[in-house]
Amino acid sequence: MAPLLALLFAMLGFVSTAMAAHLPGLLQAAGATLAVAVLAGALIGPAQVAARLVEFGLLRRVSPLVSARLASLTHPAGAALLLALGPAGALPFAVLHGAGNGLLTIVRGTLPLAVFGAGGYGARQGWVALPGRLLGALSPWLFGVALERYGARAVWLSAGMCVTAFGCLSLLRLPATGTAP
């Protein structure tokens, strides 16, 4: 289970860090003006907070897998809108990406806890997070190369990573309630 979680968080961490570094450039490559790219970037924070509030309220009683699946699918949905709509997709892309990123901050803590339980949580969390931190450190450079080479279509790289993360989630099974090690 730990390698699956590590891969999941590495893929999602790549996307989070790559978008933090390259969102305005990506949106401009898709045809958005600088003003629209800046506005879209300003929407990410409120979208993150809104998603966390939804998680705290509506999703509070559901499995962390549900929140994780939502977190992994919002970016690809936004990417499809961005590429289909061009500049008109910039704002929906930013809101969907921000919402997924907001859920991800909660999922990073709740999913490993649900999978492994509280015993040794800190140590496991460190090992599960390590590959994601390493890939996250490389992601601005890697995504920048893709953006330079492929323009707005580079968003398929980040969307593909999110779909890979969703695939990891489909393989993940939580222990029965009260039986986590």
Protein backbone atom coordinates (compact mmCIF):
# COMPACT_ATOMS: atom_id res chain seq x y z
CA MET A 1 0.00 0.00 0.00
CA ALA A 2 2.78 2.44 0.83
CA PRO A 3 4.30 2.36 -2.70
CA LEU A 4 0.86 2.98 -4.19
CA LEU A 5 0.31 5.98 -1.91
CA ALA A 6 3.80 7.25 -2.65
CA LEU A 7 3.12 7.10 -6.40
CA LEU A 8 -0.27 8.73 -5.94
CA PHE A 9 1.14 11.64 -3.95
CA ALA A 10 4.15 11.97 -6.27
CA MET A 11 1.88 12.39 -9.30
CA LEU A 12 -0.42 14.88 -7.57
CA GLY A 13 2.52 16.73 -6.03
CA PHE A 14 4.11 17.11 -9.45
CA VAL A 15 0.96 18.76 -10.77
CA SER A 16 0.54 21.03 -7.78
CA THR A 17 4.10 22.33 -7.95
CA ALA A 18 4.21 22.56 -11.74
CA MET A 19 1.03 24.64 -11.82
CA ALA A 20 2.28 26.87 -9.02
CA ALA A 21 5.29 27.69 -11.18
CA HIS A 22 3.76 27.76 -14.66
CA LEU A 23 0.05 28.57 -14.49
CA PRO A 24 0.26 32.04 -16.08
CA GLY A 25 2.54 30.78 -18.84
CA LEU A 26 0.30 27.79 -19.50
CA LEU A 27 -2.80 29.95 -19.73
CA GLN A 28 -1.06 32.42 -22.03
CA ALA A 29 0.08 29.52 -24.22
CA ALA A 30 -3.62 28.56 -24.43
CA GLY A 31 -4.37 32.07 -25.74
CA ALA A 32 -5.36 33.89 -22.55
CA THR A 33 -4.18 37.45 -22.03
CA LEU A 34 -1.85 38.27 -19.18
CA ALA A 35 -4.76 39.94 -17.34
CA VAL A 36 -6.89 36.79 -17.62
CA ALA A 37 -3.94 34.62 -16.55
CA VAL A 38 -3.42 36.78 -13.46
CA LEU A 39 -7.16 36.73 -12.67
CA ALA A 40 -7.20 32.94 -13.06
CA GLY A 41 -4.24 32.66 -10.73
CA ALA A 42 -6.07 34.80 -8.18
CA LEU A 43 -9.00 32.35 -8.24
CA ILE A 44 -6.93 29.36 -7.17
CA GLY A 45 -6.71 30.33 -3.50
CA PRO A 46 -10.46 30.91 -3.07
CA ALA A 47 -11.16 27.66 -4.94
CA GLN A 48 -8.84 25.81 -2.55
CA VAL A 49 -10.62 27.25 0.47
CA ALA A 50 -14.05 26.54 -0.99
CA ALA A 51 -13.09 22.91 -1.65
CA ARG A 52 -11.79 22.52 1.89
CA LEU A 53 -15.06 23.90 3.24
CA VAL A 54 -17.01 21.46 1.08
CA GLU A 55 -14.81 18.64 2.35
CA PHE A 56 -15.28 19.76 5.93
CA GLY A 57 -19.05 19.99 5.49
CA LEU A 58 -20.46 17.73 2.77
CA LEU A 59 -17.64 15.22 2.43
CA ARG A 60 -16.83 14.95 6.12
CA ARG A 61 -18.59 11.63 6.59
CA VAL A 62 -17.47 9.93 3.39
CA SER A 63 -14.36 7.86 2.83
CA PRO A 64 -11.12 9.76 2.24
CA LEU A 65 -10.97 7.82 -1.03
CA VAL A 66 -13.91 9.89 -2.31
CA SER A 67 -12.10 13.15 -1.59
CA ALA A 68 -8.90 11.76 -3.09
CA ARG A 69 -10.69 10.71 -6.27
CA LEU A 70 -12.26 14.13 -6.58
CA ALA A 71 -8.88 15.77 -6.00
CA SER A 72 -7.32 13.67 -8.75
CA LEU A 73 -10.04 14.30 -11.36
CA THR A 74 -10.62 18.04 -11.09
CA HIS A 75 -7.36 19.02 -12.81
CA PRO A 76 -7.93 16.76 -15.86
CA ALA A 77 -11.49 18.08 -16.16
CA GLY A 78 -10.13 21.62 -16.13
CA ALA A 79 -7.42 20.68 -18.63
CA ALA A 80 -10.04 19.33 -21.03
CA LEU A 81 -11.98 22.60 -20.72
CA LEU A 82 -8.86 24.66 -21.24
CA LEU A 83 -7.89 22.84 -24.41
CA ALA A 84 -11.45 22.66 -25.74
CA LEU A 85 -12.36 26.30 -25.01
CA GLY A 86 -9.00 27.99 -25.33
CA PRO A 87 -8.83 31.31 -23.47
CA ALA A 88 -12.46 30.94 -22.32
CA GLY A 89 -11.40 27.82 -20.42
CA ALA A 90 -8.74 29.62 -18.37
CA LEU A 91 -10.97 30.56 -15.44
CA PRO A 92 -12.77 27.20 -15.16
CA PHE A 93 -9.40 25.46 -15.39
CA ALA A 94 -8.00 27.55 -12.54
CA VAL A 95 -11.06 26.98 -10.34
CA LEU A 96 -11.06 23.22 -10.94
CA HIS A 97 -7.31 22.95 -10.43
CA GLY A 98 -7.54 25.03 -7.25
CA ALA A 99 -10.40 22.93 -5.89
CA GLY A 100 -8.48 19.73 -6.46
CA ASN A 101 -5.37 21.21 -4.91
CA GLY A 102 -7.37 22.31 -1.89
CA LEU A 103 -8.77 18.81 -1.40
CA LEU A 104 -5.28 17.37 -1.85
CA THR A 105 -3.99 19.16 1.24
CA ILE A 106 -6.60 17.35 3.32
CA VAL A 107 -6.21 14.02 1.52
CA ARG A 108 -2.45 14.01 2.20
CA GLY A 109 -3.25 13.67 5.88
CA THR A 110 -6.50 11.72 5.98
CA LEU A 111 -5.85 9.01 3.39
CA PRO A 112 -2.64 7.60 4.93
CA LEU A 113 -4.33 7.69 8.33
CA ALA A 114 -7.28 5.70 6.95
CA VAL A 115 -4.96 3.21 5.22
CA PHE A 116 -2.37 2.65 7.95
CA GLY A 117 -3.99 3.84 11.17
CA ALA A 118 -2.44 6.07 13.79
CA GLY A 119 0.43 3.77 14.80
CA GLY A 120 3.68 5.01 13.25
CA TYR A 121 1.74 7.62 11.31
CA GLY A 122 4.51 10.22 11.25
CA ALA A 123 7.21 7.86 10.00
CA ARG A 124 4.94 6.37 7.34
CA GLN A 125 3.84 9.81 6.28
CA GLY A 126 7.47 10.79 5.78
CA TRP A 127 8.26 7.76 3.62
CA VAL A 128 5.08 8.12 1.59
CA ALA A 129 5.75 11.83 1.01
CA LEU A 130 9.43 11.52 0.09
CA PRO A 131 9.04 10.58 -3.62
CA GLY A 132 6.48 13.35 -4.06
CA ARG A 133 8.79 15.93 -2.58
CA LEU A 134 11.63 14.83 -4.85
CA LEU A 135 9.45 14.84 -7.97
CA GLY A 136 7.89 18.12 -6.86
CA ALA A 137 11.35 19.67 -6.77
CA LEU A 138 11.90 18.68 -10.40
CA SER A 139 8.40 19.48 -11.65
CA PRO A 140 8.87 23.21 -12.41
CA TRP A 141 11.79 22.37 -14.66
CA LEU A 142 10.17 19.29 -16.26
CA PHE A 143 6.85 21.01 -16.89
CA GLY A 144 8.69 24.09 -18.15
CA VAL A 145 10.46 21.96 -20.75
CA ALA A 146 7.12 20.42 -21.79
CA LEU A 147 5.48 23.85 -21.93
CA GLU A 148 8.28 25.22 -24.08
CA ARG A 149 8.12 22.27 -26.44
CA TYR A 150 4.36 21.61 -26.64
CA GLY A 151 2.72 24.86 -25.59
CA ALA A 152 -0.71 24.52 -23.99
CA ARG A 153 -0.83 20.81 -24.89
CA ALA A 154 1.71 20.28 -22.08
CA VAL A 155 -1.30 20.31 -19.78
CA TRP A 156 -1.92 16.73 -20.94
CA LEU A 157 1.24 15.78 -19.03
CA SER A 158 -0.20 17.09 -15.78
CA ALA A 159 -3.67 15.73 -16.58
CA GLY A 160 -2.14 12.33 -17.32
CA MET A 161 -0.39 12.34 -13.98
CA CYS A 162 -3.70 13.04 -12.26
CA VAL A 163 -5.35 10.21 -14.17
CA THR A 164 -2.47 7.95 -13.10
CA ALA A 165 -3.14 9.04 -9.51
CA PHE A 166 -6.82 8.16 -9.99
CA GLY A 167 -5.71 4.74 -11.24
CA CYS A 168 -3.70 4.27 -8.05
CA LEU A 169 -6.78 5.18 -6.06
CA SER A 170 -8.85 2.60 -7.89
CA LEU A 171 -6.37 -0.07 -6.74
CA LEU A 172 -6.35 1.14 -3.15
CA ARG A 173 -8.54 -0.55 -0.56
CA LEU A 174 -9.13 0.76 2.92
CA PRO A 175 -9.16 -1.67 5.82
CA ALA A 176 -12.52 -2.37 7.42
CA THR A 177 -13.49 0.20 10.04
CA GLY A 178 -11.59 -0.31 13.25
CA THR A 179 -9.10 -2.79 11.77
CA ALA A 180 -6.36 -0.45 10.53
CA PRO A 181 -2.95 -1.58 11.84
